[in-house]
Amino acid sequence: MNASRNRRRRRLSGIAAAVTLSATLAGCGLTIPSDPEGTLQTVSGGELRVGVSPDPGLVSRDDPPTGSIPDLVTGFSDSLDADVEWTIGSEETLVGMLERGDLDLVAGGITDQTPWLDKAGVSRGYTGIDGADGRILVMLVPLGENAFLSALERHLDEEVGS
Protein backbone atom coordinates (compact mmCIF):
# COMPACT_ATOMS: atom_id res chain seq x y z
CA MET A 1 0.00 0.00 0.00
CA ASN A 2 2.79 2.45 0.90
CA ALA A 3 4.65 1.67 -2.34
CA SER A 4 1.55 2.44 -4.38
CA ARG A 5 0.99 5.69 -2.50
CA ASN A 6 4.66 6.73 -3.00
CA ARG A 7 4.46 6.06 -6.75
CA ARG A 8 1.31 8.15 -6.99
CA ARG A 9 2.95 11.02 -5.08
CA ARG A 10 6.03 10.93 -7.34
CA ARG A 11 3.84 10.89 -10.42
CA LEU A 12 1.79 13.84 -9.14
CA SER A 13 5.00 15.69 -8.23
CA GLY A 14 6.31 15.13 -11.76
CA ILE A 15 3.06 16.36 -13.29
CA ALA A 16 3.08 19.42 -11.02
CA ALA A 17 6.68 20.19 -12.02
CA ALA A 18 5.80 19.91 -15.73
CA VAL A 19 2.79 22.19 -15.33
CA THR A 20 4.86 24.73 -13.39
CA LEU A 21 7.60 24.69 -16.04
CA SER A 22 5.06 25.09 -18.85
CA ALA A 23 3.38 28.00 -17.08
CA THR A 24 6.73 29.65 -16.41
CA LEU A 25 7.82 29.38 -20.04
CA ALA A 26 4.46 30.63 -21.29
CA GLY A 27 4.70 33.61 -18.95
CA CYS A 28 8.11 34.50 -20.39
CA GLY A 29 6.59 35.05 -23.81
CA LEU A 30 9.06 32.49 -25.19
CA THR A 31 8.42 31.65 -28.80
CA ILE A 32 10.15 28.88 -30.63
CA PRO A 33 11.97 29.31 -32.89
CA SER A 34 13.34 32.60 -31.68
CA ASP A 35 15.91 35.17 -32.77
CA PRO A 36 18.13 36.37 -29.91
CA GLU A 37 19.21 39.34 -32.06
CA GLY A 38 15.74 39.93 -33.54
CA THR A 39 16.77 39.56 -37.19
CA LEU A 40 13.35 38.57 -38.54
CA GLN A 41 11.63 41.44 -36.72
CA THR A 42 14.30 43.97 -37.74
CA VAL A 43 14.28 42.94 -41.40
CA SER A 44 10.49 42.74 -41.75
CA GLY A 45 9.32 46.03 -43.20
CA GLY A 46 12.90 47.28 -43.23
CA GLU A 47 16.11 46.33 -44.97
CA LEU A 48 17.54 42.88 -45.73
CA ARG A 49 21.34 43.10 -45.96
CA VAL A 50 22.48 40.33 -48.30
CA GLY A 51 25.96 39.23 -49.28
CA VAL A 52 26.32 37.25 -52.47
CA SER A 53 29.32 35.47 -53.86
CA PRO A 54 29.41 35.43 -57.68
CA ASP A 55 28.96 32.00 -59.22
CA PRO A 56 28.33 31.39 -62.95
CA GLY A 57 24.69 30.50 -63.55
CA LEU A 58 23.65 31.48 -60.02
CA VAL A 59 24.90 34.99 -59.20
CA SER A 60 26.27 37.62 -61.59
CA ARG A 61 28.74 40.38 -60.74
CA ASP A 62 26.20 42.98 -61.96
CA ASP A 63 25.09 45.79 -59.69
CA PRO A 64 22.56 44.77 -58.50
CA PRO A 65 23.41 41.10 -58.95
CA THR A 66 21.20 38.95 -61.15
CA GLY A 67 20.62 35.21 -61.42
CA SER A 68 18.56 32.52 -59.76
CA ILE A 69 19.97 33.17 -56.25
CA PRO A 70 19.27 36.95 -56.30
CA ASP A 71 15.79 36.15 -57.67
CA LEU A 72 15.12 33.83 -54.70
CA VAL A 73 16.48 36.39 -52.24
CA THR A 74 14.38 39.16 -53.79
CA GLY A 75 11.28 36.97 -53.47
CA PHE A 76 12.13 36.33 -49.83
CA SER A 77 12.63 40.05 -49.16
CA ASP A 78 9.30 40.79 -50.86
CA SER A 79 7.61 38.29 -48.53
CA LEU A 80 9.01 40.31 -45.61
CA ASP A 81 8.19 43.68 -47.18
CA ALA A 82 11.92 44.46 -47.02
CA ASP A 83 14.28 46.28 -49.36
CA VAL A 84 17.49 44.45 -50.30
CA GLU A 85 20.92 45.99 -49.79
CA TRP A 86 23.40 43.91 -51.80
CA THR A 87 27.07 43.29 -51.05
CA ILE A 88 29.17 41.29 -53.50
CA GLY A 89 32.27 39.54 -52.21
CA SER A 90 34.09 36.31 -51.50
CA GLU A 91 32.52 33.79 -49.16
CA GLU A 92 35.19 34.42 -46.53
CA THR A 93 34.64 38.17 -46.58
CA LEU A 94 30.86 37.79 -46.49
CA VAL A 95 30.90 35.28 -43.62
CA GLY A 96 33.10 37.68 -41.64
CA MET A 97 30.55 40.42 -42.25
CA LEU A 98 27.74 38.06 -41.20
CA GLU A 99 29.57 37.27 -37.95
CA ARG A 100 30.06 41.00 -37.20
CA GLY A 101 26.37 41.68 -37.77
CA ASP A 102 26.90 43.64 -41.00
CA LEU A 103 24.82 41.17 -43.08
CA ASP A 104 21.60 39.24 -42.48
CA LEU A 105 22.01 36.62 -45.20
CA VAL A 106 24.82 35.17 -47.36
CA ALA A 107 24.05 33.29 -50.56
CA GLY A 108 25.71 32.08 -53.72
CA GLY A 109 27.11 28.76 -54.83
CA ILE A 110 27.49 27.63 -51.20
CA THR A 111 26.97 23.89 -50.89
CA ASP A 112 25.89 21.67 -48.03
CA GLN A 113 29.60 20.84 -47.60
CA THR A 114 30.30 24.42 -46.47
CA PRO A 115 33.21 24.95 -44.09
CA TRP A 116 31.28 27.77 -42.36
CA LEU A 117 29.17 25.57 -40.01
CA ASP A 118 30.78 27.01 -36.87
CA LYS A 119 30.45 30.61 -38.11
CA ALA A 120 26.88 30.75 -39.45
CA GLY A 121 23.45 29.19 -39.32
CA VAL A 122 22.98 27.03 -42.41
CA SER A 123 19.72 26.44 -44.25
CA ARG A 124 18.58 23.04 -45.44
CA GLY A 125 20.12 22.00 -48.75
CA TYR A 126 18.22 22.68 -51.99
CA THR A 127 18.80 20.87 -55.28
CA GLY A 128 16.05 22.56 -57.31
CA ILE A 129 17.74 25.95 -57.75
CA ASP A 130 18.27 26.84 -61.41
CA GLY A 131 21.97 26.80 -62.27
CA ALA A 132 22.97 24.59 -59.34
CA ASP A 133 24.09 21.85 -61.75
CA GLY A 134 23.29 19.06 -59.30
CA ARG A 135 24.87 20.77 -56.29
CA ILE A 136 22.97 20.93 -53.01
CA LEU A 137 22.93 24.64 -52.19
CA VAL A 138 22.48 26.31 -48.81
CA MET A 139 22.22 29.88 -47.54
CA LEU A 140 23.83 31.30 -44.41
CA VAL A 141 22.29 33.40 -41.63
CA PRO A 142 23.65 34.68 -38.31
CA LEU A 143 24.16 31.93 -35.72
CA GLY A 144 21.13 31.44 -33.46
CA GLU A 145 18.68 33.45 -35.58
CA ASN A 146 16.31 30.49 -35.89
CA ALA A 147 13.05 32.34 -36.58
CA PHE A 148 14.75 34.15 -39.46
CA LEU A 149 16.20 30.86 -40.74
CA SER A 150 12.78 29.19 -40.50
CA ALA A 151 11.17 32.01 -42.52
CA LEU A 152 13.89 31.70 -45.17
CA GLU A 153 13.47 27.92 -45.40
CA ARG A 154 9.67 28.23 -45.70
CA HIS A 155 10.16 30.60 -48.62
CA LEU A 156 12.75 28.37 -50.29
CA ASP A 157 10.53 25.30 -49.76
CA GLU A 158 7.70 27.08 -51.59
CA GLU A 159 9.93 28.28 -54.43
CA VAL A 160 12.28 25.36 -55.12
CA GLY A 161 11.14 22.51 -52.88
CA SER A 162 13.13 20.90 -50.12
C-alpha atoms as a PDB file:
ATOM      1  CA  MET A   1       0.000   0.000   0.000  1.00  0.00           C
ATOM      2  CA  ASN A   2       2.793   2.454   0.901  1.00  0.00           C
ATOM      3  CA  ALA A   3       4.654   1.668  -2.344  1.00  0.00           C
ATOM      4  CA  SER A   4       1.549   2.437  -4.379  1.00  0.00           C
ATOM      5  CA  ARG A   5       0.985   5.689  -2.503  1.00  0.00           C
ATOM      6  CA  ASN A   6       4.655   6.727  -3.004  1.00  0.00           C
ATOM      7  CA  ARG A   7       4.456   6.056  -6.749  1.00  0.00           C
ATOM      8  CA  ARG A   8       1.311   8.149  -6.993  1.00  0.00           C
ATOM      9  CA  ARG A   9       2.945  11.025  -5.084  1.00  0.00           C
ATOM     10  CA  ARG A  10       6.026  10.931  -7.339  1.00  0.00           C
ATOM     11  CA  ARG A  11       3.837  10.892 -10.421  1.00  0.00           C
ATOM     12  CA  LEU A  12       1.794  13.842  -9.136  1.00  0.00           C
ATOM     13  CA  SER A  13       5.002  15.691  -8.229  1.00  0.00           C
ATOM     14  CA  GLY A  14       6.308  15.132 -11.760  1.00  0.00           C
ATOM     15  CA  ILE A  15       3.064  16.362 -13.291  1.00  0.00           C
ATOM     16  CA  ALA A  16       3.081  19.421 -11.019  1.00  0.00           C
ATOM     17  CA  ALA A  17       6.676  20.191 -12.020  1.00  0.00           C
ATOM     18  CA  ALA A  18       5.805  19.907 -15.729  1.00  0.00           C
ATOM     19  CA  VAL A  19       2.788  22.186 -15.326  1.00  0.00           C
ATOM     20  CA  THR A  20       4.864  24.728 -13.392  1.00  0.00           C
ATOM     21  CA  LEU A  21       7.601  24.695 -16.043  1.00  0.00           C
ATOM     22  CA  SER A  22       5.061  25.094 -18.854  1.00  0.00           C
ATOM     23  CA  ALA A  23       3.384  27.998 -17.083  1.00  0.00           C
ATOM     24  CA  THR A  24       6.730  29.650 -16.415  1.00  0.00           C
ATOM     25  CA  LEU A  25       7.821  29.382 -20.043  1.00  0.00           C
ATOM     26  CA  ALA A  26       4.457  30.627 -21.290  1.00  0.00           C
ATOM     27  CA  GLY A  27       4.698  33.611 -18.950  1.00  0.00           C
ATOM     28  CA  CYS A  28       8.112  34.503 -20.392  1.00  0.00           C
ATOM     29  CA  GLY A  29       6.595  35.048 -23.812  1.00  0.00           C
ATOM     30  CA  LEU A  30       9.065  32.491 -25.186  1.00  0.00           C
ATOM     31  CA  THR A  31       8.416  31.649 -28.800  1.00  0.00           C
ATOM     32  CA  ILE A  32      10.146  28.879 -30.633  1.00  0.00           C
ATOM     33  CA  PRO A  33      11.967  29.315 -32.889  1.00  0.00           C
ATOM     34  CA  SER A  34      13.340  32.602 -31.678  1.00  0.00           C
ATOM     35  CA  ASP A  35      15.909  35.172 -32.775  1.00  0.00           C
ATOM     36  CA  PRO A  36      18.127  36.373 -29.911  1.00  0.00           C
ATOM     37  CA  GLU A  37      19.211  39.337 -32.057  1.00  0.00           C
ATOM     38  CA  GLY A  38      15.741  39.931 -33.543  1.00  0.00           C
ATOM     39  CA  THR A  39      16.766  39.558 -37.187  1.00  0.00           C
ATOM     40  CA  LEU A  40      13.349  38.575 -38.541  1.00  0.00           C
ATOM     41  CA  GLN A  41      11.631  41.437 -36.719  1.00  0.00           C
ATOM     42  CA  THR A  42      14.300  43.967 -37.740  1.00  0.00           C
ATOM     43  CA  VAL A  43      14.282  42.935 -41.404  1.00  0.00           C
ATOM     44  CA  SER A  44      10.487  42.736 -41.753  1.00  0.00           C
ATOM     45  CA  GLY A  45       9.317  46.028 -43.203  1.00  0.00           C
ATOM     46  CA  GLY A  46      12.903  47.284 -43.228  1.00  0.00           C
ATOM     47  CA  GLU A  47      16.113  46.333 -44.967  1.00  0.00           C
ATOM     48  CA  LEU A  48      17.539  42.884 -45.730  1.00  0.00           C
ATOM     49  CA  ARG A  49      21.339  43.098 -45.964  1.00  0.00           C
ATOM     50  CA  VAL A  50      22.483  40.331 -48.298  1.00  0.00           C
ATOM     51  CA  GLY A  51      25.961  39.234 -49.277  1.00  0.00           C
ATOM     52  CA  VAL A  52      26.324  37.247 -52.470  1.00  0.00           C
ATOM     53  CA  SER A  53      29.319  35.473 -53.857  1.00  0.00           C
ATOM     54  CA  PRO A  54      29.414  35.433 -57.682  1.00  0.00           C
ATOM     55  CA  ASP A  55      28.956  32.004 -59.223  1.00  0.00           C
ATOM     56  CA  PRO A  56      28.326  31.393 -62.950  1.00  0.00           C
ATOM     57  CA  GLY A  57      24.693  30.499 -63.552  1.00  0.00           C
ATOM     58  CA  LEU A  58      23.647  31.480 -60.018  1.00  0.00           C
ATOM     59  CA  VAL A  59      24.904  34.995 -59.201  1.00  0.00           C
ATOM     60  CA  SER A  60      26.273  37.621 -61.591  1.00  0.00           C
ATOM     61  CA  ARG A  61      28.737  40.378 -60.741  1.00  0.00           C
ATOM     62  CA  ASP A  62      26.203  42.976 -61.959  1.00  0.00           C
ATOM     63  CA  ASP A  63      25.095  45.785 -59.691  1.00  0.00           C
ATOM     64  CA  PRO A  64      22.556  44.770 -58.496  1.00  0.00           C
ATOM     65  CA  PRO A  65      23.405  41.097 -58.948  1.00  0.00           C
ATOM     66  CA  THR A  66      21.202  38.947 -61.153  1.00  0.00           C
ATOM     67  CA  GLY A  67      20.617  35.210 -61.416  1.00  0.00           C
ATOM     68  CA  SER A  68      18.564  32.523 -59.755  1.00  0.00           C
ATOM     69  CA  ILE A  69      19.966  33.168 -56.252  1.00  0.00           C
ATOM     70  CA  PRO A  70      19.268  36.946 -56.303  1.00  0.00           C
ATOM     71  CA  ASP A  71      15.791  36.147 -57.671  1.00  0.00           C
ATOM     72  CA  LEU A  72      15.116  33.827 -54.701  1.00  0.00           C
ATOM     73  CA  VAL A  73      16.476  36.391 -52.240  1.00  0.00           C
ATOM     74  CA  THR A  74      14.385  39.165 -53.791  1.00  0.00           C
ATOM     75  CA  GLY A  75      11.278  36.969 -53.475  1.00  0.00           C
ATOM     76  CA  PHE A  76      12.135  36.328 -49.832  1.00  0.00           C
ATOM     77  CA  SER A  77      12.628  40.048 -49.161  1.00  0.00           C
ATOM     78  CA  ASP A  78       9.302  40.791 -50.863  1.00  0.00           C
ATOM     79  CA  SER A  79       7.611  38.287 -48.531  1.00  0.00           C
ATOM     80  CA  LEU A  80       9.011  40.306 -45.605  1.00  0.00           C
ATOM     81  CA  ASP A  81       8.186  43.679 -47.180  1.00  0.00           C
ATOM     82  CA  ALA A  82      11.917  44.456 -47.021  1.00  0.00           C
ATOM     83  CA  ASP A  83      14.283  46.282 -49.362  1.00  0.00           C
ATOM     84  CA  VAL A  84      17.495  44.449 -50.300  1.00  0.00           C
ATOM     85  CA  GLU A  85      20.917  45.990 -49.793  1.00  0.00           C
ATOM     86  CA  TRP A  86      23.400  43.913 -51.800  1.00  0.00           C
ATOM     87  CA  THR A  87      27.072  43.291 -51.052  1.00  0.00           C
ATOM     88  CA  ILE A  88      29.168  41.290 -53.505  1.00  0.00           C
ATOM     89  CA  GLY A  89      32.274  39.541 -52.213  1.00  0.00           C
ATOM     90  CA  SER A  90      34.090  36.312 -51.500  1.00  0.00           C
ATOM     91  CA  GLU A  91      32.517  33.786 -49.159  1.00  0.00           C
ATOM     92  CA  GLU A  92      35.194  34.416 -46.532  1.00  0.00           C
ATOM     93  CA  THR A  93      34.638  38.174 -46.583  1.00  0.00           C
ATOM     94  CA  LEU A  94      30.857  37.789 -46.488  1.00  0.00           C
ATOM     95  CA  VAL A  95      30.904  35.280 -43.618  1.00  0.00           C
ATOM     96  CA  GLY A  96      33.100  37.681 -41.638  1.00  0.00           C
ATOM     97  CA  MET A  97      30.547  40.424 -42.252  1.00  0.00           C
ATOM     98  CA  LEU A  98      27.737  38.058 -41.203  1.00  0.00           C
ATOM     99  CA  GLU A  99      29.569  37.275 -37.953  1.00  0.00           C
ATOM    100  CA  ARG A 100      30.060  40.997 -37.204  1.00  0.00           C
ATOM    101  CA  GLY A 101      26.369  41.684 -37.769  1.00  0.00           C
ATOM    102  CA  ASP A 102      26.897  43.644 -41.000  1.00  0.00           C
ATOM    103  CA  LEU A 103      24.821  41.166 -43.080  1.00  0.00           C
ATOM    104  CA  ASP A 104      21.604  39.243 -42.477  1.00  0.00           C
ATOM    105  CA  LEU A 105      22.014  36.615 -45.204  1.00  0.00           C
ATOM    106  CA  VAL A 106      24.815  35.169 -47.356  1.00  0.00           C
ATOM    107  CA  ALA A 107      24.053  33.288 -50.558  1.00  0.00           C
ATOM    108  CA  GLY A 108      25.714  32.083 -53.721  1.00  0.00           C
ATOM    109  CA  GLY A 109      27.114  28.756 -54.825  1.00  0.00           C
ATOM    110  CA  ILE A 110      27.487  27.630 -51.199  1.00  0.00           C
ATOM    111  CA  THR A 111      26.974  23.888 -50.892  1.00  0.00           C
ATOM    112  CA  ASP A 112      25.895  21.668 -48.031  1.00  0.00           C
ATOM    113  CA  GLN A 113      29.601  20.835 -47.598  1.00  0.00           C
ATOM    114  CA  THR A 114      30.295  24.421 -46.470  1.00  0.00           C
ATOM    115  CA  PRO A 115      33.211  24.952 -44.088  1.00  0.00           C
ATOM    116  CA  TRP A 116      31.275  27.769 -42.365  1.00  0.00           C
ATOM    117  CA  LEU A 117      29.175  25.575 -40.013  1.00  0.00           C
ATOM    118  CA  ASP A 118      30.777  27.015 -36.868  1.00  0.00           C
ATOM    119  CA  LYS A 119      30.454  30.614 -38.105  1.00  0.00           C
ATOM    120  CA  ALA A 120      26.877  30.751 -39.451  1.00  0.00           C
ATOM    121  CA  GLY A 121      23.455  29.192 -39.318  1.00  0.00           C
ATOM    122  CA  VAL A 122      22.976  27.028 -42.410  1.00  0.00           C
ATOM    123  CA  SER A 123      19.716  26.441 -44.252  1.00  0.00           C
ATOM    124  CA  ARG A 124      18.581  23.041 -45.440  1.00  0.00           C
ATOM    125  CA  GLY A 125      20.117  22.004 -48.748  1.00  0.00           C
ATOM    126  CA  TYR A 126      18.223  22.676 -51.985  1.00  0.00           C
ATOM    127  CA  THR A 127      18.800  20.866 -55.277  1.00  0.00           C
ATOM    128  CA  GLY A 128      16.051  22.555 -57.307  1.00  0.00           C
ATOM    129  CA  ILE A 129      17.745  25.945 -57.754  1.00  0.00           C
ATOM    130  CA  ASP A 130      18.272  26.838 -61.414  1.00  0.00           C
ATOM    131  CA  GLY A 131      21.973  26.799 -62.271  1.00  0.00           C
ATOM    132  CA  ALA A 132      22.969  24.587 -59.336  1.00  0.00           C
ATOM    133  CA  ASP A 133      24.090  21.851 -61.749  1.00  0.00           C
ATOM    134  CA  GLY A 134      23.292  19.056 -59.303  1.00  0.00           C
ATOM    135  CA  ARG A 135      24.872  20.766 -56.295  1.00  0.00           C
ATOM    136  CA  ILE A 136      22.972  20.926 -53.006  1.00  0.00           C
ATOM    137  CA  LEU A 137      22.927  24.638 -52.190  1.00  0.00           C
ATOM    138  CA  VAL A 138      22.478  26.312 -48.805  1.00  0.00           C
ATOM    139  CA  MET A 139      22.217  29.879 -47.543  1.00  0.00           C
ATOM    140  CA  LEU A 140      23.829  31.298 -44.414  1.00  0.00           C
ATOM    141  CA  VAL A 141      22.293  33.400 -41.634  1.00  0.00           C
ATOM    142  CA  PRO A 142      23.654  34.678 -38.308  1.00  0.00           C
ATOM    143  CA  LEU A 143      24.157  31.930 -35.724  1.00  0.00           C
ATOM    144  CA  GLY A 144      21.135  31.445 -33.464  1.00  0.00           C
ATOM    145  CA  GLU A 145      18.679  33.447 -35.582  1.00  0.00           C
ATOM    146  CA  ASN A 146      16.314  30.485 -35.891  1.00  0.00           C
ATOM    147  CA  ALA A 147      13.054  32.336 -36.583  1.00  0.00           C
ATOM    148  CA  PHE A 148      14.749  34.150 -39.461  1.00  0.00           C
ATOM    149  CA  LEU A 149      16.204  30.861 -40.745  1.00  0.00           C
ATOM    150  CA  SER A 150      12.782  29.188 -40.504  1.00  0.00           C
ATOM    151  CA  ALA A 151      11.166  32.007 -42.520  1.00  0.00           C
ATOM    152  CA  LEU A 152      13.891  31.700 -45.171  1.00  0.00           C
ATOM    153  CA  GLU A 153      13.468  27.925 -45.397  1.00  0.00           C
ATOM    154  CA  ARG A 154       9.672  28.230 -45.696  1.00  0.00           C
ATOM    155  CA  HIS A 155      10.157  30.600 -48.616  1.00  0.00           C
ATOM    156  CA  LEU A 156      12.755  28.370 -50.286  1.00  0.00           C
ATOM    157  CA  ASP A 157      10.534  25.298 -49.759  1.00  0.00           C
ATOM    158  CA  GLU A 158       7.701  27.079 -51.586  1.00  0.00           C
ATOM    159  CA  GLU A 159       9.928  28.283 -54.433  1.00  0.00           C
ATOM    160  CA  VAL A 160      12.280  25.362 -55.119  1.00  0.00           C
ATOM    161  CA  GLY A 161      11.137  22.514 -52.884  1.00  0.00           C
ATOM    162  CA  SER A 162      13.127  20.897 -50.118  1.00  0.00           C
END
